Amino acid sequence: MDISNLSLVDLKALLREVPREIKRREAAERVKVRRELEELAHARGFSLNDVLSELPVRRVSKRGTAEIRYRHPQDSTQTWSGRGRKPRWVEAWLAGGGTLAALKV
């Protein structure tokens, strides 16, 4: 589809319509996939609920939000809990000879 000849008004209208159309098509595709899965399960002698109930359930971590332990010395909006990978600003601070203790809140 060549959109280079569309006016600005038409492009903005298209931009508003695309997300709606994507949602509509995703919903239709989900219905189609569900029907296909139900047919497959039925052909094998099961209901879809029987098949899905056998799948393992993923557990969501209940650790919650981690407490902020480190803060950037010049930009107080940049923080780190000490969990996971070090942010770039922490890596840069350490590479520059700084210590984690100096960033401690």
C-alpha atoms as a PDB file:
ATOM      1  CA  MET A   1       0.000   0.000   0.000  1.00  0.00           C
ATOM      2  CA  ASP A   2       1.485   3.326  -1.074  1.00  0.00           C
ATOM      3  CA  ILE A   3       0.575   5.999   1.464  1.00  0.00           C
ATOM      4  CA  SER A   4       2.906   8.680   0.111  1.00  0.00           C
ATOM      5  CA  ASN A   5       0.052  10.291  -1.875  1.00  0.00           C
ATOM      6  CA  LEU A   6      -2.322  10.545   1.093  1.00  0.00           C
ATOM      7  CA  SER A   7      -3.052  13.946   2.563  1.00  0.00           C
ATOM      8  CA  LEU A   8      -2.136  14.758   6.143  1.00  0.00           C
ATOM      9  CA  VAL A   9      -5.812  14.550   7.137  1.00  0.00           C
ATOM     10  CA  ASP A  10      -6.118  11.126   5.518  1.00  0.00           C
ATOM     11  CA  LEU A  11      -2.924   9.917   7.213  1.00  0.00           C
ATOM     12  CA  LYS A  12      -4.187  11.016  10.630  1.00  0.00           C
ATOM     13  CA  ALA A  13      -7.515   9.287  10.003  1.00  0.00           C
ATOM     14  CA  LEU A  14      -5.659   6.141   8.994  1.00  0.00           C
ATOM     15  CA  LEU A  15      -3.561   6.367  12.153  1.00  0.00           C
ATOM     16  CA  ARG A  16      -6.747   6.418  14.261  1.00  0.00           C
ATOM     17  CA  GLU A  17      -8.311   3.518  12.361  1.00  0.00           C
ATOM     18  CA  VAL A  18      -5.346   1.127  12.378  1.00  0.00           C
ATOM     19  CA  PRO A  19      -5.369   0.340  16.136  1.00  0.00           C
ATOM     20  CA  ARG A  20      -9.131  -0.282  16.044  1.00  0.00           C
ATOM     21  CA  GLU A  21      -8.801  -2.592  13.069  1.00  0.00           C
ATOM     22  CA  ILE A  22      -5.935  -4.466  14.703  1.00  0.00           C
ATOM     23  CA  LYS A  23      -8.025  -5.038  17.861  1.00  0.00           C
ATOM     24  CA  ARG A  24     -10.984  -6.212  15.773  1.00  0.00           C
ATOM     25  CA  ARG A  25      -8.862  -8.650  13.783  1.00  0.00           C
ATOM     26  CA  GLU A  26      -7.096  -9.976  16.893  1.00  0.00           C
ATOM     27  CA  ALA A  27     -10.460 -10.679  18.504  1.00  0.00           C
ATOM     28  CA  ALA A  28     -11.685 -12.468  15.377  1.00  0.00           C
ATOM     29  CA  GLU A  29      -8.479 -14.489  15.179  1.00  0.00           C
ATOM     30  CA  ARG A  30      -8.787 -15.517  18.855  1.00  0.00           C
ATOM     31  CA  VAL A  31     -12.319 -16.801  18.180  1.00  0.00           C
ATOM     32  CA  LYS A  32     -11.067 -18.728  15.147  1.00  0.00           C
ATOM     33  CA  VAL A  33      -8.161 -20.285  17.073  1.00  0.00           C
ATOM     34  CA  ARG A  34     -10.430 -21.249  19.963  1.00  0.00           C
ATOM     35  CA  ARG A  35     -12.821 -23.011  17.557  1.00  0.00           C
ATOM     36  CA  GLU A  36      -9.932 -24.872  15.941  1.00  0.00           C
ATOM     37  CA  LEU A  37      -8.619 -25.961  19.343  1.00  0.00           C
ATOM     38  CA  GLU A  38     -12.074 -27.086  20.457  1.00  0.00           C
ATOM     39  CA  GLU A  39     -12.457 -29.142  17.256  1.00  0.00           C
ATOM     40  CA  LEU A  40      -9.042 -30.746  17.721  1.00  0.00           C
ATOM     41  CA  ALA A  41      -9.744 -31.595  21.354  1.00  0.00           C
ATOM     42  CA  HIS A  42     -13.196 -32.970  20.450  1.00  0.00           C
ATOM     43  CA  ALA A  43     -11.687 -35.122  17.677  1.00  0.00           C
ATOM     44  CA  ARG A  44      -9.390 -36.673  20.280  1.00  0.00           C
ATOM     45  CA  GLY A  45     -12.214 -37.235  22.772  1.00  0.00           C
ATOM     46  CA  PHE A  46     -11.606 -34.303  25.100  1.00  0.00           C
ATOM     47  CA  SER A  47     -13.140 -30.967  25.832  1.00  0.00           C
ATOM     48  CA  LEU A  48     -10.916 -27.920  25.541  1.00  0.00           C
ATOM     49  CA  ASN A  49     -11.317 -27.313  29.276  1.00  0.00           C
ATOM     50  CA  ASP A  50     -10.060 -30.853  29.977  1.00  0.00           C
ATOM     51  CA  VAL A  51      -6.931 -30.190  27.939  1.00  0.00           C
ATOM     52  CA  LEU A  52      -6.260 -26.736  29.359  1.00  0.00           C
ATOM     53  CA  SER A  53      -6.762 -27.816  32.961  1.00  0.00           C
ATOM     54  CA  GLU A  54      -3.756 -30.129  32.601  1.00  0.00           C
ATOM     55  CA  LEU A  55      -1.379 -27.290  31.734  1.00  0.00           C
ATOM     56  CA  PRO A  56       0.919 -26.077  34.500  1.00  0.00           C
ATOM     57  CA  VAL A  57      -0.005 -22.732  35.988  1.00  0.00           C
ATOM     58  CA  ARG A  58       2.694 -20.063  36.020  1.00  0.00           C
ATOM     59  CA  ARG A  59       3.142 -18.579  39.420  1.00  0.00           C
ATOM     60  CA  VAL A  60       3.414 -14.833  39.705  1.00  0.00           C
ATOM     61  CA  SER A  61       6.095 -13.596  42.038  1.00  0.00           C
ATOM     62  CA  LYS A  62       4.728 -12.173  45.256  1.00  0.00           C
ATOM     63  CA  ARG A  63       7.915 -10.340  46.092  1.00  0.00           C
ATOM     64  CA  GLY A  64       6.356  -7.001  45.226  1.00  0.00           C
ATOM     65  CA  THR A  65       8.163  -3.792  44.475  1.00  0.00           C
ATOM     66  CA  ALA A  66      11.705  -3.689  45.718  1.00  0.00           C
ATOM     67  CA  GLU A  67      12.864  -0.920  48.013  1.00  0.00           C
ATOM     68  CA  ILE A  68      15.143   1.689  46.428  1.00  0.00           C
ATOM     69  CA  ARG A  69      18.692   1.234  47.698  1.00  0.00           C
ATOM     70  CA  TYR A  70      20.771   3.318  45.296  1.00  0.00           C
ATOM     71  CA  ARG A  71      20.217   6.764  43.776  1.00  0.00           C
ATOM     72  CA  HIS A  72      22.098   8.648  41.050  1.00  0.00           C
ATOM     73  CA  PRO A  73      24.124  11.473  42.666  1.00  0.00           C
ATOM     74  CA  GLN A  74      23.052  14.177  40.152  1.00  0.00           C
ATOM     75  CA  ASP A  75      19.683  12.850  38.922  1.00  0.00           C
ATOM     76  CA  SER A  76      17.427  11.728  41.759  1.00  0.00           C
ATOM     77  CA  THR A  77      14.913  10.208  39.312  1.00  0.00           C
ATOM     78  CA  GLN A  78      17.385   7.421  38.495  1.00  0.00           C
ATOM     79  CA  THR A  79      17.246   4.740  41.145  1.00  0.00           C
ATOM     80  CA  TRP A  80      18.075   1.065  41.534  1.00  0.00           C
ATOM     81  CA  SER A  81      16.883  -1.527  44.030  1.00  0.00           C
ATOM     82  CA  GLY A  82      20.051  -3.581  43.827  1.00  0.00           C
ATOM     83  CA  ARG A  83      18.121  -6.426  42.186  1.00  0.00           C
ATOM     84  CA  GLY A  84      18.785  -7.631  38.693  1.00  0.00           C
ATOM     85  CA  ARG A  85      21.218  -6.184  36.212  1.00  0.00           C
ATOM     86  CA  LYS A  86      22.986  -2.957  37.122  1.00  0.00           C
ATOM     87  CA  PRO A  87      21.616   0.080  35.266  1.00  0.00           C
ATOM     88  CA  ARG A  88      23.968   1.864  32.870  1.00  0.00           C
ATOM     89  CA  TRP A  89      24.365   4.816  35.186  1.00  0.00           C
ATOM     90  CA  VAL A  90      25.584   2.482  37.967  1.00  0.00           C
ATOM     91  CA  GLU A  91      27.996   0.771  35.573  1.00  0.00           C
ATOM     92  CA  ALA A  92      29.321   4.182  34.472  1.00  0.00           C
ATOM     93  CA  TRP A  93      29.705   5.301  38.097  1.00  0.00           C
ATOM     94  CA  LEU A  94      31.659   2.157  38.987  1.00  0.00           C
ATOM     95  CA  ALA A  95      33.790   2.412  35.832  1.00  0.00           C
ATOM     96  CA  GLY A  96      34.651   5.981  36.834  1.00  0.00           C
ATOM     97  CA  GLY A  97      36.043   4.797  40.147  1.00  0.00           C
ATOM     98  CA  GLY A  98      32.931   5.314  42.269  1.00  0.00           C
ATOM     99  CA  THR A  99      31.623   2.821  44.800  1.00  0.00           C
ATOM    100  CA  LEU A 100      28.170   1.427  45.433  1.00  0.00           C
ATOM    101  CA  ALA A 101      28.403   2.663  49.008  1.00  0.00           C
ATOM    102  CA  ALA A 102      28.533   6.250  47.712  1.00  0.00           C
ATOM    103  CA  LEU A 103      25.196   5.725  45.908  1.00  0.00           C
ATOM    104  CA  LYS A 104      23.447   4.153  48.882  1.00  0.00           C
ATOM    105  CA  VAL A 105      20.198   5.853  49.921  1.00  0.00           C
END
